[in-house]
N, C-alpha and C. Protein backbone atom coordinates (compact mmCIF):
# COMPACT_ATOMS: atom_id res chain seq x y z
N MET A 1 38.73 -1.65 -15.04
CA MET A 1 37.22 -1.78 -15.70
C MET A 1 36.38 -3.02 -15.59
N LEU A 2 34.93 -3.56 -14.72
CA LEU A 2 33.94 -3.99 -15.56
C LEU A 2 34.00 -3.41 -17.18
N ASP A 3 34.03 -4.66 -17.73
CA ASP A 3 32.51 -4.27 -19.34
C ASP A 3 31.66 -5.15 -19.52
N ASN A 4 31.07 -5.05 -20.93
CA ASN A 4 29.80 -5.76 -20.73
C ASN A 4 29.77 -7.20 -20.47
N LYS A 5 30.79 -7.73 -20.83
CA LYS A 5 31.09 -9.23 -21.46
C LYS A 5 31.41 -9.23 -20.07
N ASP A 6 32.42 -9.23 -19.39
CA ASP A 6 32.15 -9.63 -17.84
C ASP A 6 30.72 -9.16 -17.05
N LEU A 7 29.69 -7.88 -17.27
CA LEU A 7 28.41 -8.14 -16.29
C LEU A 7 28.12 -9.86 -17.14
N ILE A 8 27.65 -10.28 -18.45
CA ILE A 8 27.07 -11.22 -18.96
C ILE A 8 27.99 -12.51 -19.00
N ARG A 9 28.78 -11.97 -18.28
CA ARG A 9 29.55 -13.82 -17.56
C ARG A 9 29.00 -14.06 -16.12
N GLU A 10 28.71 -12.86 -15.47
CA GLU A 10 27.83 -13.17 -14.46
C GLU A 10 26.58 -13.08 -14.66
N LEU A 11 25.84 -13.09 -15.20
CA LEU A 11 23.99 -12.83 -15.06
C LEU A 11 24.19 -14.66 -15.42
N LYS A 12 25.11 -14.51 -16.36
CA LYS A 12 24.73 -16.17 -16.21
C LYS A 12 25.02 -16.95 -15.42
N ILE A 13 26.49 -16.35 -14.77
CA ILE A 13 25.81 -17.60 -13.17
C ILE A 13 24.80 -17.13 -12.54
N GLU A 14 24.53 -15.93 -12.41
CA GLU A 14 23.44 -15.75 -11.90
C GLU A 14 22.17 -16.54 -11.74
N GLY A 15 22.06 -17.30 -12.99
CA GLY A 15 21.06 -17.86 -13.77
C GLY A 15 19.87 -17.57 -14.45
N ILE A 16 20.23 -16.13 -15.23
CA ILE A 16 19.67 -15.81 -16.67
C ILE A 16 20.29 -16.81 -17.39
N SER A 17 19.46 -17.32 -18.34
CA SER A 17 20.29 -18.13 -19.56
C SER A 17 19.62 -17.74 -20.62
N ASP A 18 18.78 -16.96 -21.21
CA ASP A 18 17.81 -16.79 -21.69
C ASP A 18 19.37 -16.02 -23.02
N LYS A 19 18.70 -16.68 -24.08
CA LYS A 19 20.23 -15.74 -25.24
C LYS A 19 20.10 -14.76 -25.90
N ASN A 20 18.91 -14.41 -25.68
CA ASN A 20 17.84 -13.26 -26.75
C ASN A 20 17.63 -12.09 -25.59
N ILE A 21 17.86 -12.34 -24.01
CA ILE A 21 17.82 -11.47 -23.06
C ILE A 21 19.55 -10.84 -23.82
N LEU A 22 20.39 -11.93 -22.73
CA LEU A 22 21.65 -11.31 -22.93
C LEU A 22 22.31 -11.11 -23.89
N ARG A 23 22.05 -11.45 -25.14
CA ARG A 23 22.19 -10.85 -26.40
C ARG A 23 22.19 -9.19 -26.54
N ALA A 24 20.41 -8.90 -25.87
CA ALA A 24 20.45 -7.28 -25.69
C ALA A 24 21.04 -6.42 -25.06
N ILE A 25 21.03 -7.56 -23.91
CA ILE A 25 21.68 -6.78 -23.31
C ILE A 25 23.31 -6.44 -23.44
N GLU A 26 23.76 -7.37 -24.20
CA GLU A 26 25.11 -7.18 -24.58
C GLU A 26 24.93 -5.88 -25.44
N LYS A 27 24.43 -5.44 -26.17
CA LYS A 27 24.26 -4.52 -27.35
C LYS A 27 23.90 -3.21 -26.49
N VAL A 28 23.26 -3.02 -25.47
CA VAL A 28 22.84 -2.28 -24.92
C VAL A 28 24.58 -1.10 -23.07
N PRO A 29 24.78 -0.71 -24.01
CA PRO A 29 26.49 -0.53 -23.19
C PRO A 29 25.82 1.02 -22.20
N ARG A 30 25.55 -0.16 -21.26
CA ARG A 30 26.08 0.61 -19.34
C ARG A 30 25.84 1.89 -19.21
N GLU A 31 27.02 2.21 -19.68
CA GLU A 31 27.71 3.38 -19.20
C GLU A 31 27.44 4.75 -19.73
N PHE A 32 26.02 4.40 -21.25
CA PHE A 32 25.21 5.44 -21.72
C PHE A 32 24.43 5.87 -20.47
N PHE A 33 23.76 4.97 -19.84
CA PHE A 33 22.89 5.16 -18.63
C PHE A 33 23.10 5.93 -17.55
N VAL A 34 24.01 5.97 -16.85
CA VAL A 34 25.10 6.23 -15.71
C VAL A 34 24.92 7.74 -15.99
N ALA A 35 25.21 8.32 -14.33
CA ALA A 35 26.24 9.66 -14.05
C ALA A 35 27.19 9.07 -14.54
N GLN A 36 28.12 10.95 -15.44
CA GLN A 36 29.31 10.72 -15.48
C GLN A 36 30.09 9.90 -13.99
N GLY A 37 29.96 10.28 -13.44
CA GLY A 37 31.06 9.79 -11.91
C GLY A 37 31.06 8.52 -11.84
N LEU A 38 29.63 8.21 -11.90
CA LEU A 38 30.00 6.88 -11.89
C LEU A 38 29.84 5.60 -13.07
N ILE A 39 31.04 6.11 -13.97
CA ILE A 39 30.79 5.07 -15.69
C ILE A 39 32.18 3.98 -14.57
N ASP A 40 32.62 4.34 -14.33
CA ASP A 40 33.33 2.85 -13.94
C ASP A 40 32.63 2.36 -12.93
N ARG A 41 31.46 2.55 -12.47
CA ARG A 41 30.69 1.15 -11.86
C ARG A 41 29.25 0.55 -13.24
N ALA A 42 29.52 1.03 -14.03
CA ALA A 42 28.18 1.14 -15.27
C ALA A 42 28.34 -0.59 -15.17
N TYR A 43 29.13 -1.28 -15.12
CA TYR A 43 28.70 -3.06 -15.03
C TYR A 43 28.80 -4.03 -14.24
N GLU A 44 28.85 -3.38 -12.64
CA GLU A 44 28.66 -3.72 -11.98
C GLU A 44 27.39 -4.01 -11.36
N ASN A 45 27.19 -5.53 -11.21
CA ASN A 45 25.99 -6.18 -10.90
C ASN A 45 24.61 -5.70 -9.98
N ILE A 46 24.71 -3.50 -10.13
CA ILE A 46 24.29 -3.22 -8.76
C ILE A 46 24.03 -1.97 -9.59
N PRO A 47 22.42 -1.62 -8.40
CA PRO A 47 21.20 -0.37 -9.01
C PRO A 47 22.67 0.70 -8.70
N LEU A 48 22.15 1.70 -9.05
CA LEU A 48 23.70 3.22 -9.44
C LEU A 48 22.05 4.02 -8.76
N PRO A 49 22.14 5.04 -8.51
CA PRO A 49 21.62 6.47 -7.69
C PRO A 49 21.14 6.84 -9.63
N ILE A 50 20.51 8.06 -10.32
CA ILE A 50 20.13 8.83 -10.81
C ILE A 50 19.29 10.20 -10.43
N ASP A 51 19.11 10.96 -11.21
CA ASP A 51 18.43 11.89 -10.92
C ASP A 51 17.10 11.92 -10.54
N CYS A 52 16.67 12.73 -9.74
CA CYS A 52 15.59 12.84 -9.17
C CYS A 52 15.00 12.02 -8.34
N GLY A 53 16.50 11.39 -7.70
CA GLY A 53 15.79 10.83 -6.10
C GLY A 53 15.69 9.06 -6.95
N GLN A 54 15.97 8.83 -8.00
CA GLN A 54 15.56 7.20 -8.62
C GLN A 54 16.83 6.45 -8.40
N THR A 55 16.57 5.57 -9.39
CA THR A 55 17.51 4.35 -9.22
C THR A 55 18.02 3.78 -10.83
N ILE A 56 18.70 3.20 -11.25
CA ILE A 56 19.00 2.74 -12.55
C ILE A 56 19.22 1.58 -11.46
N SER A 57 18.39 0.56 -12.28
CA SER A 57 18.20 -1.17 -11.46
C SER A 57 18.98 -2.25 -11.67
N GLN A 58 19.81 -3.09 -10.21
CA GLN A 58 20.10 -4.11 -10.31
C GLN A 58 20.53 -4.44 -12.13
N PRO A 59 21.63 -4.75 -12.84
CA PRO A 59 21.10 -5.64 -13.99
C PRO A 59 20.49 -6.74 -13.63
N TYR A 60 20.79 -7.88 -12.96
CA TYR A 60 20.08 -9.02 -12.68
C TYR A 60 19.09 -8.83 -12.76
N VAL A 61 18.22 -8.30 -11.84
CA VAL A 61 16.49 -7.98 -11.34
C VAL A 61 16.03 -7.39 -12.87
N VAL A 62 16.92 -6.53 -14.03
CA VAL A 62 16.09 -6.32 -15.36
C VAL A 62 16.48 -7.77 -16.01
N ALA A 63 16.86 -7.75 -15.62
CA ALA A 63 17.16 -9.14 -17.32
C ALA A 63 15.66 -10.30 -16.35
N TYR A 64 15.83 -10.26 -15.13
CA TYR A 64 15.07 -11.45 -14.52
C TYR A 64 13.76 -11.25 -14.28
N MET A 65 13.44 -9.70 -14.98
CA MET A 65 11.66 -9.85 -14.25
C MET A 65 11.45 -9.31 -16.60
N ILE A 66 12.15 -9.24 -17.29
CA ILE A 66 11.48 -9.19 -18.25
C ILE A 66 12.12 -11.13 -19.02
N SER A 67 12.98 -11.83 -18.40
CA SER A 67 12.23 -13.09 -18.27
C SER A 67 11.27 -13.92 -18.19
N CYS A 68 10.40 -13.09 -17.03
CA CYS A 68 9.21 -13.54 -16.78
C CYS A 68 8.36 -14.12 -17.63
N LEU A 69 8.05 -12.51 -18.39
CA LEU A 69 7.54 -12.01 -19.85
C LEU A 69 7.40 -12.90 -20.55
N LYS A 70 8.48 -14.09 -20.79
CA LYS A 70 8.65 -14.48 -22.06
C LYS A 70 7.97 -13.90 -23.34
N LEU A 71 8.45 -12.46 -23.40
CA LEU A 71 8.19 -11.73 -24.44
C LEU A 71 8.64 -12.95 -25.92
N LYS A 72 7.97 -12.58 -26.93
CA LYS A 72 7.70 -12.67 -28.70
C LYS A 72 8.42 -11.34 -29.57
N LYS A 73 9.15 -11.89 -30.56
CA LYS A 73 9.28 -10.61 -31.34
C LYS A 73 8.31 -9.95 -31.62
N THR A 74 6.73 -10.32 -32.04
CA THR A 74 5.94 -9.77 -32.17
C THR A 74 4.34 -9.21 -30.84
N ASP A 75 5.23 -8.93 -29.78
CA ASP A 75 5.16 -8.02 -28.88
C ASP A 75 4.17 -6.74 -29.14
N LYS A 76 4.21 -6.19 -28.43
CA LYS A 76 3.38 -4.81 -27.53
C LYS A 76 3.23 -4.95 -26.32
N VAL A 77 4.70 -4.00 -26.21
CA VAL A 77 5.19 -4.27 -24.23
C VAL A 77 4.97 -2.56 -23.94
N LEU A 78 4.01 -2.21 -22.81
CA LEU A 78 4.11 -1.13 -21.98
C LEU A 78 5.23 -1.26 -21.05
N GLU A 79 5.44 0.27 -20.56
CA GLU A 79 7.43 -0.24 -19.24
C GLU A 79 6.59 0.91 -18.42
N ILE A 80 6.35 1.26 -17.08
CA ILE A 80 6.06 1.70 -16.78
C ILE A 80 7.21 2.29 -15.53
N GLY A 81 8.27 3.58 -15.67
CA GLY A 81 9.21 3.60 -14.88
C GLY A 81 10.56 4.09 -16.01
N THR A 82 10.18 4.86 -17.15
CA THR A 82 10.92 4.89 -18.72
C THR A 82 13.06 5.04 -17.28
N GLY A 83 12.89 5.90 -16.71
CA GLY A 83 14.28 6.05 -15.53
C GLY A 83 14.65 6.75 -16.81
N THR A 84 16.01 6.34 -16.48
CA THR A 84 17.22 6.71 -18.16
C THR A 84 17.71 5.95 -19.82
N GLY A 85 16.25 4.52 -18.87
CA GLY A 85 15.90 4.13 -20.22
C GLY A 85 16.62 3.22 -21.05
N TYR A 86 17.68 2.91 -19.85
CA TYR A 86 18.39 1.47 -20.47
C TYR A 86 17.59 0.08 -20.08
N GLN A 87 16.24 -0.30 -19.11
CA GLN A 87 15.46 -1.47 -19.47
C GLN A 87 14.94 -1.04 -21.05
N THR A 88 14.54 0.13 -21.35
CA THR A 88 13.99 0.75 -22.11
C THR A 88 14.34 -0.19 -24.12
N ALA A 89 15.84 0.53 -23.55
CA ALA A 89 16.26 0.23 -24.60
C ALA A 89 17.09 -1.84 -24.59
N ILE A 90 16.73 -2.33 -23.99
CA ILE A 90 16.81 -3.78 -24.14
C ILE A 90 15.68 -3.86 -23.81
N LEU A 91 14.19 -4.40 -23.45
CA LEU A 91 13.19 -4.37 -24.13
C LEU A 91 12.67 -4.40 -25.91
N SER A 92 13.56 -2.61 -26.04
CA SER A 92 13.43 -2.59 -28.04
C SER A 92 13.73 -3.35 -28.43
N TYR A 93 15.29 -4.26 -28.01
CA TYR A 93 15.40 -5.41 -28.84
C TYR A 93 14.66 -7.04 -29.07
N LEU A 94 13.55 -6.93 -27.81
CA LEU A 94 12.83 -8.38 -27.97
C LEU A 94 11.61 -8.55 -28.72
N CYS A 95 11.13 -7.24 -28.88
CA CYS A 95 9.64 -7.51 -29.23
C CYS A 95 9.70 -5.99 -30.20
N LYS A 96 8.69 -5.68 -30.55
CA LYS A 96 8.47 -5.58 -32.29
C LYS A 96 7.98 -3.64 -31.22
N GLU A 97 7.64 -3.86 -30.47
CA GLU A 97 6.87 -1.78 -29.58
C GLU A 97 7.78 -1.75 -27.87
N VAL A 98 7.65 -0.47 -28.15
CA VAL A 98 7.63 -0.30 -26.11
C VAL A 98 6.88 1.06 -26.09
N CYS A 99 6.21 0.93 -25.40
CA CYS A 99 5.29 1.81 -25.08
C CYS A 99 6.05 2.68 -23.68
N THR A 100 6.43 3.14 -23.28
CA THR A 100 7.70 3.63 -21.76
C THR A 100 6.61 5.24 -21.10
N ILE A 101 6.08 4.96 -20.15
CA ILE A 101 5.92 6.48 -19.32
C ILE A 101 6.85 6.19 -18.55
N GLU A 102 7.17 7.93 -18.46
CA GLU A 102 7.70 8.09 -17.04
C GLU A 102 7.56 9.63 -16.70
N ILE A 103 7.37 9.47 -15.01
CA ILE A 103 6.62 10.77 -14.10
C ILE A 103 7.71 12.34 -14.37
N TYR A 104 8.92 11.66 -14.28
CA TYR A 104 9.84 13.41 -14.33
C TYR A 104 10.45 13.87 -15.73
N ASN A 105 9.96 14.81 -16.13
CA ASN A 105 10.26 15.02 -17.54
C ASN A 105 11.86 15.20 -17.38
N LYS A 106 12.66 15.55 -17.06
CA LYS A 106 13.67 15.14 -16.89
C LYS A 106 14.46 14.11 -17.32
N LEU A 107 14.28 13.26 -15.56
CA LEU A 107 14.43 11.88 -16.86
C LEU A 107 13.84 11.18 -18.00
N LEU A 108 13.19 11.84 -18.25
CA LEU A 108 12.12 11.47 -20.08
C LEU A 108 13.45 12.42 -20.96
N ASP A 109 13.43 13.52 -21.00
CA ASP A 109 14.13 14.04 -22.20
C ASP A 109 15.55 13.49 -21.85
N GLN A 110 16.53 12.60 -20.59
CA GLN A 110 17.89 12.56 -20.82
C GLN A 110 16.89 10.47 -21.54
N ALA A 111 16.59 10.70 -21.27
CA ALA A 111 16.69 8.99 -21.93
C ALA A 111 15.95 8.93 -23.39
N LYS A 112 15.48 9.68 -24.14
CA LYS A 112 15.45 10.38 -25.59
C LYS A 112 16.57 10.70 -25.86
N LYS A 113 17.17 10.97 -25.27
CA LYS A 113 18.48 11.45 -26.19
C LYS A 113 19.11 9.98 -26.48
N ARG A 114 19.72 9.28 -25.07
CA ARG A 114 19.59 8.49 -24.69
C ARG A 114 19.81 6.47 -25.89
N ILE A 115 18.76 7.47 -26.27
CA ILE A 115 17.78 6.50 -26.94
C ILE A 115 18.49 6.99 -28.36
N LEU A 116 18.34 7.56 -29.12
CA LEU A 116 18.32 8.10 -30.08
C LEU A 116 19.73 8.80 -30.72
N LYS A 117 20.51 8.37 -29.37
CA LYS A 117 22.05 8.30 -30.14
C LYS A 117 22.26 6.67 -30.24
N LEU A 118 21.37 5.32 -29.83
CA LEU A 118 21.17 4.48 -29.99
C LEU A 118 20.52 3.87 -31.07
N ASN A 119 19.93 4.74 -31.83
CA ASN A 119 19.04 4.99 -33.40
C ASN A 119 17.99 3.74 -33.57
N LEU A 120 17.28 3.42 -32.22
CA LEU A 120 16.01 2.82 -31.89
C LEU A 120 15.38 3.33 -32.20
N LYS A 121 13.97 2.74 -32.84
CA LYS A 121 13.03 3.44 -33.81
C LYS A 121 11.94 2.88 -32.65
N ASN A 122 11.45 1.79 -32.75
CA ASN A 122 10.00 1.59 -32.43
C ASN A 122 9.81 1.95 -29.85
N ILE A 123 9.80 3.19 -30.32
CA ILE A 123 10.27 2.98 -28.04
C ILE A 123 8.75 4.05 -28.90
N ASN A 124 8.10 4.47 -28.05
CA ASN A 124 7.16 5.43 -27.83
C ASN A 124 7.13 5.90 -26.29
N PHE A 125 7.10 7.03 -25.94
CA PHE A 125 7.42 7.65 -25.10
C PHE A 125 5.58 8.95 -24.24
N ILE A 126 5.68 8.85 -23.01
CA ILE A 126 4.82 10.14 -22.93
C ILE A 126 5.33 10.20 -20.96
N LEU A 127 5.21 11.46 -20.84
CA LEU A 127 4.98 11.58 -19.83
C LEU A 127 3.59 11.67 -19.06
N GLY A 128 3.94 10.96 -18.06
CA GLY A 128 2.39 11.39 -16.49
C GLY A 128 2.96 10.28 -16.40
N ASN A 129 1.46 9.59 -15.54
CA ASN A 129 1.47 9.31 -14.29
C ASN A 129 1.11 8.01 -14.37
N GLY A 130 1.95 6.74 -14.75
CA GLY A 130 2.02 5.75 -14.66
C GLY A 130 0.48 4.95 -14.42
N THR A 131 0.14 5.50 -13.06
CA THR A 131 -0.69 4.06 -12.89
C THR A 131 -1.87 4.80 -13.76
N GLU A 132 -2.00 5.87 -14.21
CA GLU A 132 -2.96 5.80 -15.35
C GLU A 132 -3.24 5.22 -16.85
N GLY A 133 -2.36 4.14 -16.57
CA GLY A 133 -1.64 2.87 -17.76
C GLY A 133 -1.59 3.85 -19.20
N TRP A 134 -1.66 2.97 -20.50
CA TRP A 134 -1.95 4.18 -21.55
C TRP A 134 -3.26 4.41 -21.66
N ASN A 135 -3.59 4.88 -22.71
CA ASN A 135 -4.74 5.09 -24.15
C ASN A 135 -5.77 3.78 -23.07
N ALA A 136 -6.75 4.17 -23.13
CA ALA A 136 -7.56 2.52 -21.91
C ALA A 136 -7.88 1.90 -24.01
N LYS A 137 -7.30 2.16 -25.39
CA LYS A 137 -7.99 1.44 -26.13
C LYS A 137 -7.29 0.82 -26.86
N VAL A 138 -5.94 0.98 -25.96
CA VAL A 138 -4.34 0.13 -26.15
C VAL A 138 -4.33 -1.11 -24.99
N LEU A 139 -3.92 -1.65 -26.20
CA LEU A 139 -4.01 -3.55 -25.52
C LEU A 139 -2.73 -3.54 -25.51
N PHE A 140 -1.73 -4.07 -24.39
CA PHE A 140 -0.15 -4.39 -24.12
C PHE A 140 -0.12 -6.22 -24.57
N ASP A 141 1.19 -6.87 -24.49
CA ASP A 141 1.25 -8.36 -24.92
C ASP A 141 1.80 -8.46 -23.21
N ALA A 142 2.82 -7.39 -22.62
CA ALA A 142 2.90 -6.94 -21.09
C ALA A 142 3.18 -6.36 -20.50
N ILE A 143 3.50 -6.01 -19.56
CA ILE A 143 3.73 -4.77 -18.96
C ILE A 143 4.72 -4.75 -17.91
N ILE A 144 5.83 -3.74 -17.84
CA ILE A 144 6.58 -3.98 -16.96
C ILE A 144 6.64 -2.82 -15.56
N VAL A 145 6.95 -3.19 -14.80
CA VAL A 145 6.52 -1.94 -13.88
C VAL A 145 7.66 -1.78 -12.64
N SER A 146 8.64 -0.41 -13.10
CA SER A 146 9.60 -0.88 -12.59
C SER A 146 9.41 0.36 -11.06
N ALA A 147 8.86 0.32 -10.29
CA ALA A 147 8.84 1.36 -8.72
C ALA A 147 7.83 0.23 -7.93
N ALA A 148 7.20 0.38 -7.05
CA ALA A 148 6.81 -0.34 -5.70
C ALA A 148 5.92 -0.07 -5.29
N SER A 149 4.09 -1.06 -5.46
CA SER A 149 3.07 -0.23 -5.42
C SER A 149 2.89 -0.92 -4.09
N GLU A 150 1.99 -0.85 -3.10
CA GLU A 150 0.73 -1.41 -2.34
C GLU A 150 -0.74 -2.00 -2.81
N ILE A 151 -0.67 -1.31 -4.21
CA ILE A 151 -1.86 -1.76 -4.83
C ILE A 151 -1.22 -2.04 -6.11
N ILE A 152 -1.96 -2.63 -6.98
CA ILE A 152 -2.05 -3.34 -8.25
C ILE A 152 -2.69 -1.65 -9.36
N PRO A 153 -2.38 -0.88 -9.89
CA PRO A 153 -3.20 -0.37 -10.94
C PRO A 153 -4.30 -0.72 -11.63
N ASP A 154 -5.75 -0.65 -11.86
CA ASP A 154 -6.33 -0.67 -11.96
C ASP A 154 -6.29 -0.41 -13.52
N LYS A 155 -6.37 0.34 -13.95
CA LYS A 155 -5.51 0.79 -15.06
C LYS A 155 -5.44 0.23 -16.24
N LEU A 156 -3.92 -0.38 -15.54
CA LEU A 156 -3.17 -1.10 -15.71
C LEU A 156 -3.06 -2.27 -16.35
N LEU A 157 -3.76 -3.02 -15.50
CA LEU A 157 -5.03 -4.49 -15.71
C LEU A 157 -5.97 -4.35 -17.03
N LYS A 158 -6.53 -3.04 -16.96
CA LYS A 158 -7.37 -2.91 -18.07
C LYS A 158 -6.40 -2.83 -19.57
N ASN A 159 -5.02 -2.37 -19.30
CA ASN A 159 -4.02 -2.34 -20.23
C ASN A 159 -3.80 -3.69 -21.11
N LEU A 160 -3.71 -5.01 -20.42
CA LEU A 160 -3.10 -5.95 -20.68
C LEU A 160 -4.10 -6.45 -21.17
N LYS A 161 -3.65 -7.15 -22.71
CA LYS A 161 -4.22 -8.33 -23.30
C LYS A 161 -4.68 -9.18 -22.57
N ASN A 162 -5.69 -10.60 -23.28
CA ASN A 162 -6.10 -11.34 -22.03
C ASN A 162 -4.94 -12.75 -22.57
N HIS A 163 -4.46 -13.34 -21.88
CA HIS A 163 -3.76 -14.43 -21.74
C HIS A 163 -1.83 -13.11 -21.69
N GLY A 164 -1.92 -11.33 -21.93
CA GLY A 164 -1.21 -11.18 -21.37
C GLY A 164 -0.37 -10.89 -20.16
N CYS A 165 1.25 -10.67 -19.47
CA CYS A 165 1.41 -11.19 -18.24
C CYS A 165 1.79 -8.97 -17.78
N LEU A 166 2.59 -9.45 -16.72
CA LEU A 166 2.23 -7.90 -16.23
C LEU A 166 3.58 -8.30 -14.61
N ILE A 167 4.03 -7.59 -14.80
CA ILE A 167 5.06 -8.13 -13.98
C ILE A 167 6.08 -6.51 -13.24
N MET A 168 6.08 -6.76 -11.48
CA MET A 168 6.28 -5.37 -10.82
C MET A 168 6.52 -5.74 -9.26
N PRO A 169 7.18 -4.74 -8.68
CA PRO A 169 7.27 -4.97 -7.02
C PRO A 169 5.51 -5.09 -6.36
N LYS A 170 5.23 -5.52 -5.86
CA LYS A 170 4.93 -5.41 -4.57
C LYS A 170 4.92 -4.67 -3.05
N LYS A 171 4.43 -3.67 -2.83
CA LYS A 171 4.54 -3.26 -1.95
C LYS A 171 3.78 -3.65 -0.38
N LYS A 172 5.03 -5.18 0.77
CA LYS A 172 3.85 -5.72 1.10
C LYS A 172 3.84 -5.21 2.71
N SER A 173 4.96 -4.64 3.00
CA SER A 173 4.84 -3.91 4.46
C SER A 173 6.43 -2.68 4.41
N LEU A 174 6.22 -2.93 5.32
CA LEU A 174 7.42 -0.98 5.63
C LEU A 174 8.85 -1.79 4.44
N ASP A 175 9.06 -2.66 5.25
CA ASP A 175 10.69 -3.31 4.54
C ASP A 175 11.24 -4.25 3.81
N ILE A 176 9.55 -4.38 3.43
CA ILE A 176 8.63 -6.37 2.17
C ILE A 176 8.44 -5.57 0.80
N GLN A 177 9.52 -6.04 -0.30
CA GLN A 177 8.23 -5.83 -1.05
C GLN A 177 8.97 -7.60 -1.60
N LYS A 178 7.94 -7.65 -2.86
CA LYS A 178 7.29 -8.65 -3.33
C LYS A 178 7.45 -8.49 -5.01
N LEU A 179 8.05 -9.06 -5.52
CA LEU A 179 8.06 -9.46 -7.13
C LEU A 179 7.10 -10.41 -7.61
N LEU A 180 6.00 -9.49 -7.89
CA LEU A 180 5.22 -10.29 -8.82
C LEU A 180 4.50 -10.31 -10.04
N LEU A 181 3.75 -11.96 -10.93
CA LEU A 181 3.97 -11.62 -12.14
C LEU A 181 2.25 -11.77 -12.04
N ILE A 182 1.35 -11.32 -13.07
CA ILE A 182 -0.23 -11.54 -13.12
C ILE A 182 -0.20 -11.59 -14.62
N LYS A 183 -0.96 -13.05 -14.84
CA LYS A 183 -1.59 -13.28 -16.07
C LYS A 183 -3.04 -13.40 -16.13
N LYS A 184 -2.45 -12.44 -17.40
CA LYS A 184 -4.46 -12.46 -17.54
C LYS A 184 -5.04 -14.15 -18.48
N SER A 185 -5.78 -14.51 -18.12
CA SER A 185 -7.01 -15.43 -18.25
C SER A 185 -8.30 -14.82 -17.81
N ASN A 186 -8.78 -14.84 -19.70
CA ASN A 186 -10.34 -14.21 -19.74
C ASN A 186 -10.17 -13.19 -18.75
N GLU A 187 -10.78 -12.56 -17.32
CA GLU A 187 -11.90 -11.42 -16.79
C GLU A 187 -10.94 -12.22 -15.60
N THR A 188 -10.10 -13.58 -15.46
CA THR A 188 -9.48 -13.91 -14.58
C THR A 188 -8.22 -12.99 -14.04
N TYR A 189 -6.94 -12.59 -13.18
CA TYR A 189 -5.65 -12.74 -12.74
C TYR A 189 -5.48 -13.84 -11.62
N LEU A 190 -4.74 -13.94 -12.61
CA LEU A 190 -3.91 -15.19 -11.40
C LEU A 190 -2.14 -14.89 -10.87
N GLU A 191 -2.02 -13.87 -10.22
CA GLU A 191 -1.10 -13.44 -9.30
C GLU A 191 -0.06 -14.95 -8.71
N LYS A 192 1.16 -14.36 -8.82
CA LYS A 192 2.31 -15.61 -9.01
C LYS A 192 3.29 -14.42 -8.36
N GLU A 193 4.18 -14.97 -6.53
CA GLU A 193 4.82 -14.38 -5.78
C GLU A 193 6.36 -15.29 -6.15
N LEU A 194 7.00 -13.76 -6.68
CA LEU A 194 9.00 -14.46 -7.15
C LEU A 194 9.69 -14.53 -5.96
N CYS A 195 10.02 -13.20 -5.37
CA CYS A 195 11.03 -12.98 -4.97
C CYS A 195 10.54 -11.35 -3.79
N SER A 196 12.16 -11.84 -3.68
CA SER A 196 12.09 -10.22 -2.62
C SER A 196 13.08 -8.93 -3.47
N VAL A 197 12.68 -8.32 -3.16
CA VAL A 197 13.06 -7.01 -4.16
C VAL A 197 13.02 -6.23 -3.67
N LYS A 198 13.70 -4.60 -3.74
CA LYS A 198 13.67 -3.50 -3.05
C LYS A 198 13.78 -2.74 -4.67
N PHE A 199 12.35 -1.70 -4.51
CA PHE A 199 12.14 -0.66 -5.39
C PHE A 199 11.79 0.45 -4.69
N VAL A 200 11.94 1.93 -6.04
CA VAL A 200 11.66 3.17 -5.57
C VAL A 200 10.41 2.95 -6.14
N PRO A 201 9.20 3.95 -4.53
CA PRO A 201 8.00 3.72 -4.89
C PRO A 201 6.81 4.26 -5.85
N LEU A 202 6.55 3.72 -6.36
CA LEU A 202 5.76 4.14 -7.83
C LEU A 202 4.97 5.10 -7.24
N LEU A 203 5.08 6.79 -8.09
CA LEU A 203 4.11 7.47 -7.66
C LEU A 203 3.03 7.81 -8.37
N ASN A 204 1.61 8.16 -8.23
CA ASN A 204 0.66 8.30 -8.35
C ASN A 204 0.27 9.87 -8.07
N ASP A 205 1.32 11.06 -8.59
CA ASP A 205 0.72 12.44 -8.09
C ASP A 205 1.80 12.79 -10.02
N ASN A 206 0.98 13.98 -10.57
CA ASN A 206 2.07 13.81 -11.71
C ASN A 206 2.23 15.03 -11.47
N ILE A 207 4.14 15.01 -11.94
CA ILE A 207 5.11 16.16 -11.25
C ILE A 207 5.21 17.04 -11.94
N GLU A 208 5.36 18.23 -11.39
CA GLU A 208 5.77 19.15 -12.43
C GLU A 208 6.94 19.56 -12.60
């Protein structure tokens, strides 16, 4: 069975070279974040199914997306799609504060319990619709969206500080999604298309 060190080795081979990101991934036990029946696959570099028809992302994709944001320890980060809390936990080691929104109550409750076990204190959780963003008055250095959408939600762009970055998968057609990096420069948004990805859709209706 693979362990976290095996995963780190594979991520390095895949091109992840940021030592801070690799250290953060090493600190977060992925087996905490997968279903009991999938623990023996926790450190494979693959996405895995979770509750509510969602997935825990492939570790390489998590690491790559975070690396594109070039986070600093003083940054405040907004995450859309808490999911299991795996990416949330990694982010918490890389910045000052993480604010995370999850639409499924069941997933949010599970994520909170896992984060509590890891004793991570710099994370704020909200149950809600990620397309609505965080409180309008709060601005973030970086925003990471873990679900695909045909449009970039306007309220998320409004949550971004000047010179901040947003990364998200954008749905181009039925089967094609591209990772998009958006940098805010005054009132201009500069978009850069990165690579092909596959994510669950970004939901924009509140879930009961």
